Protein backbone atom coordinates (compact mmCIF):
# COMPACT_ATOMS: atom_id res chain seq x y z
CA MET A 1 -245.03 13.99 -48.02
CA THR A 2 -243.91 10.91 -46.25
CA ILE A 3 -241.93 8.39 -47.85
CA ARG A 4 -241.89 4.71 -47.45
CA VAL A 5 -238.66 2.41 -48.20
CA LEU A 6 -238.17 -0.91 -47.91
CA GLY A 7 -234.36 -1.60 -47.05
CA ILE A 8 -232.95 -4.88 -47.90
CA ASP A 9 -229.67 -6.50 -46.49
CA PRO A 10 -229.02 -9.13 -49.01
CA GLY A 11 -227.84 -12.57 -47.83
CA LEU A 12 -228.58 -16.19 -49.05
CA THR A 13 -228.56 -17.82 -45.50
CA ARG A 14 -230.17 -14.45 -43.79
CA CYS A 15 -231.60 -11.44 -45.64
CA GLY A 16 -232.69 -8.76 -43.62
CA VAL A 17 -235.72 -6.77 -44.60
CA GLY A 18 -236.49 -3.24 -42.87
CA ILE A 19 -239.65 -1.10 -43.83
CA VAL A 20 -239.51 2.43 -42.48
CA ASP A 21 -241.93 5.37 -43.00
CA VAL A 22 -239.78 8.85 -43.16
CA SER A 23 -242.01 12.35 -42.86
CA PRO A 24 -240.68 15.56 -44.41
CA THR A 25 -239.61 16.66 -41.13
CA ARG A 26 -237.21 13.39 -41.34
CA ARG A 27 -238.71 11.60 -38.71
CA ALA A 28 -238.81 7.86 -39.08
CA THR A 29 -241.37 5.34 -38.22
CA LEU A 30 -240.68 1.47 -38.08
CA VAL A 31 -243.16 -0.13 -40.37
CA ASP A 32 -241.96 -4.03 -40.32
CA VAL A 33 -238.44 -5.76 -39.88
CA CYS A 34 -237.73 -9.40 -40.60
CA VAL A 35 -235.26 -11.63 -41.80
CA ILE A 36 -235.69 -13.97 -44.70
CA ARG A 37 -234.00 -17.22 -43.80
CA THR A 38 -232.84 -20.21 -46.01
CA PRO A 39 -230.99 -23.25 -45.08
CA PRO A 40 -227.49 -23.69 -46.52
CA GLU A 41 -228.31 -27.65 -47.67
CA MET A 42 -231.04 -26.50 -50.03
CA PRO A 43 -230.45 -26.34 -53.58
CA LEU A 44 -229.12 -22.67 -54.73
CA GLU A 45 -231.99 -22.01 -57.20
CA ARG A 46 -234.76 -22.87 -54.50
CA ARG A 47 -233.00 -20.78 -51.93
CA LEU A 48 -233.09 -17.83 -54.42
CA LEU A 49 -236.61 -18.66 -55.29
CA ALA A 50 -237.48 -18.56 -51.39
CA VAL A 51 -235.62 -15.42 -50.54
CA GLY A 52 -237.32 -13.57 -53.95
CA ALA A 53 -240.74 -14.82 -52.96
CA GLY A 54 -240.28 -13.48 -49.39
CA ILE A 55 -239.09 -10.03 -50.98
CA GLU A 56 -241.92 -10.07 -53.54
CA GLU A 57 -244.55 -10.67 -50.67
CA LEU A 58 -243.16 -7.75 -48.47
CA LEU A 59 -243.30 -5.45 -51.49
CA ASP A 60 -246.78 -6.12 -52.39
CA ARG A 61 -247.94 -6.39 -48.68
CA TRP A 62 -246.32 -2.80 -47.54
CA ALA A 63 -246.44 -1.44 -51.03
CA PRO A 64 -242.95 1.18 -50.49
CA ASP A 65 -241.84 3.95 -52.73
CA ALA A 66 -238.55 3.04 -53.20
CA VAL A 67 -236.02 -0.24 -52.63
CA SER A 68 -232.79 0.38 -51.06
CA LEU A 69 -230.04 -2.12 -50.79
CA GLU A 70 -226.19 -2.60 -49.55
CA ARG A 71 -223.88 -2.00 -52.32
CA VAL A 72 -222.31 -5.29 -53.16
CA PHE A 73 -218.54 -5.35 -52.22
CA ALA A 74 -215.81 -7.99 -53.15
CA GLN A 75 -214.83 -9.78 -49.81
CA HIS A 76 -211.92 -12.56 -49.17
CA ASN A 77 -214.89 -15.21 -48.88
CA LEU A 78 -216.06 -15.46 -52.62
CA ARG A 79 -219.03 -17.83 -51.65
CA THR A 80 -220.73 -15.26 -49.45
CA VAL A 81 -220.24 -12.28 -51.80
CA MET A 82 -221.47 -14.78 -54.60
CA GLY A 83 -224.30 -15.38 -52.46
CA THR A 84 -224.90 -11.58 -51.47
CA ALA A 85 -224.94 -10.64 -55.15
CA GLN A 86 -227.44 -13.10 -56.15
CA VAL A 87 -229.83 -12.31 -53.77
CA SER A 88 -229.49 -8.52 -54.69
CA GLY A 89 -230.22 -9.44 -58.48
CA VAL A 90 -233.39 -11.20 -56.98
CA ALA A 91 -234.07 -8.22 -54.84
CA LEU A 92 -233.44 -5.43 -57.99
CA HIS A 93 -235.77 -7.94 -60.47
CA ALA A 94 -238.38 -7.90 -57.91
CA ALA A 95 -238.30 -4.01 -57.25
CA ALA A 96 -238.14 -3.37 -61.41
CA LYS A 97 -240.89 -5.61 -61.95
CA ARG A 98 -243.19 -3.33 -59.62
CA GLY A 99 -241.68 0.12 -61.14
CA LEU A 100 -239.87 0.96 -58.25
CA THR A 101 -236.79 2.78 -57.83
CA VAL A 102 -233.85 1.67 -55.96
CA GLY A 103 -230.74 3.32 -54.52
CA LEU A 104 -227.74 1.16 -53.80
CA HIS A 105 -225.49 2.45 -50.62
CA THR A 106 -222.18 1.35 -49.65
CA PRO A 107 -221.78 0.65 -45.77
CA SER A 108 -219.55 3.62 -45.13
CA GLU A 109 -222.68 5.56 -46.57
CA VAL A 110 -225.04 3.88 -44.36
CA LYS A 111 -222.92 4.19 -41.33
CA ALA A 112 -222.32 8.12 -42.06
CA ALA A 113 -226.00 8.49 -42.46
CA ILE A 114 -226.67 6.67 -39.08
CA THR A 115 -224.36 7.93 -36.92
CA GLY A 116 -222.37 10.87 -38.55
CA TYR A 117 -219.12 8.53 -38.82
CA GLY A 118 -218.35 6.54 -41.79
CA ALA A 119 -216.18 4.18 -39.82
CA ALA A 120 -218.53 3.33 -36.83
CA ASP A 121 -219.00 -0.21 -35.94
CA LYS A 122 -221.86 -2.07 -36.12
CA LYS A 123 -222.92 -1.95 -32.57
CA GLN A 124 -222.95 1.73 -32.94
CA VAL A 125 -225.45 1.58 -35.96
CA GLN A 126 -227.58 -0.90 -34.26
CA ALA A 127 -227.87 1.36 -31.30
CA MET A 128 -228.67 4.71 -33.47
CA VAL A 129 -231.03 2.64 -35.52
CA ALA A 130 -233.19 2.23 -32.44
CA ARG A 131 -232.55 5.40 -31.21
CA VAL A 132 -234.14 7.22 -34.65
CA LEU A 133 -236.68 4.58 -34.70
CA GLY A 134 -237.46 5.27 -31.04
CA LEU A 135 -237.31 1.32 -29.93
CA THR A 136 -236.54 0.17 -26.78
CA GLU A 137 -234.54 -2.59 -27.95
CA ILE A 138 -231.99 -2.91 -30.74
CA PRO A 139 -233.59 -5.07 -33.52
CA LYS A 140 -232.17 -8.59 -33.86
CA PRO A 141 -230.46 -10.08 -35.59
CA ALA A 142 -228.06 -7.84 -36.77
CA ASP A 143 -229.15 -8.15 -40.38
CA ALA A 144 -232.53 -7.14 -39.32
CA ALA A 145 -231.15 -3.53 -37.80
CA ASP A 146 -228.67 -3.46 -41.04
CA ALA A 147 -231.86 -3.20 -43.39
CA LEU A 148 -233.50 -0.65 -41.46
CA ALA A 149 -230.45 1.31 -41.26
CA ILE A 150 -230.21 1.17 -45.04
CA ALA A 151 -233.65 2.05 -45.38
CA ILE A 152 -233.18 5.02 -43.34
CA CYS A 153 -230.21 6.24 -45.33
CA HIS A 154 -231.80 6.10 -48.43
CA ALA A 155 -235.06 8.14 -47.07
CA TRP A 156 -232.99 11.03 -45.90
CA ARG A 157 -230.59 11.01 -48.71
CA ARG A 158 -233.39 11.09 -51.08
CA GLY A 159 -236.23 12.58 -49.21
CA GLY A 160 -234.84 14.76 -46.84
CA LEU A 161 -231.55 16.17 -47.01
CA ALA A 162 -230.36 16.12 -50.33
CA SER A 163 -233.57 18.24 -51.45
CA ALA A 164 -232.98 20.54 -48.84
CA SER A 165 -229.65 21.49 -49.59
CA THR A 166 -230.84 22.49 -52.88
CA ALA A 167 -234.22 24.04 -52.19
CA GLY A 168 -232.87 27.51 -53.15
CA GLY A 169 -232.56 28.42 -49.54
CA ALA A 170 -235.72 27.56 -48.18
CA GLY A 171 -235.25 26.56 -44.86
CA THR A 172 -232.14 28.39 -44.11
CA GLY A 173 -231.47 31.38 -41.50
CA ALA A 174 -229.60 34.27 -41.94
CA SER A 175 -226.21 32.43 -41.63
CA GLY A 176 -227.13 30.28 -44.50
CA SER A 177 -227.54 26.83 -42.46
CA SER A 178 -230.64 24.78 -42.99
CA SER A 179 -229.80 22.91 -39.90
CA ALA A 180 -233.56 23.27 -38.24
CA GLY A 181 -235.14 19.49 -37.43
CA ARG A 182 -231.75 17.90 -38.84
CA THR A 183 -229.95 15.54 -36.18
CA PRO A 184 -226.16 15.28 -35.80
CA ALA A 185 -226.00 12.25 -37.91
CA GLN A 186 -227.99 13.86 -40.74
CA GLU A 187 -226.02 17.19 -40.81
CA ALA A 188 -222.87 15.23 -41.14
CA TRP A 189 -224.22 13.25 -43.88
CA LEU A 190 -224.97 16.72 -45.79
CA ALA A 191 -221.75 17.70 -44.84
CA ALA A 192 -220.55 14.43 -46.59
CA GLU A 193 -222.65 15.02 -49.63
CA ARG A 194 -221.64 18.46 -50.50
CA GLY A 195 -217.89 17.29 -49.63
CA VAL A 196 -218.30 14.88 -52.37
CA ALA A 197 -220.12 17.26 -54.75
CA LYS A 198 -217.09 20.12 -54.22
CA SER A 199 -214.63 17.34 -55.13
CA VAL A 200 -216.45 15.75 -58.40
CA ALA A 201 -216.55 19.54 -59.69
CA LYS A 202 -213.04 20.40 -59.08
CA ARG A 203 -211.99 16.99 -61.07
CA ARG A 204 -214.52 18.36 -63.98
CA LEU A 205 -212.56 21.78 -63.83
CA ALA A 206 -209.24 20.39 -63.65
CA PRO A 207 -207.22 20.60 -66.92
């Protein structure tokens, strides 16, 4: 079944929002992408209200199956990280009101899912987003492309790779490989997922 994910690159001045449909064959299709903007001179509460209203309007218009956000990390610029965290809270609240599941993904997770390399730079991620979605141009500004990357990452992890890797061998060949239909980036993500699972299992078994 096709899954629709609304991805959010949270920000107070620019909040990127991207919506994608991803089929069971992991083909991603662009539904919509935009950036919600608020001016710095506007009072904080009004800015959060404006961003929240924009997110809610898109949730109601496109009715996604899930919402995905970039996980907030501490930064040197306290004002920036505070604004990002506040917008994330607004988005989480809007999703919860509608009973939607939410995924939080680190920048490295998103990069690995899209490019196969967790330390890829922004230009590489943006170029791969355009390629995955079959776009002739990279979505701009960067916040828009980042939101789409976050949405694709969540859809591939939730709706495709994670379930395929535990589906009792379904779709595997004689060698046990389940790579049919996957891109190199998706294969790299699955390998990373398996590596994390093995690491967790070893720690649990350690005395």
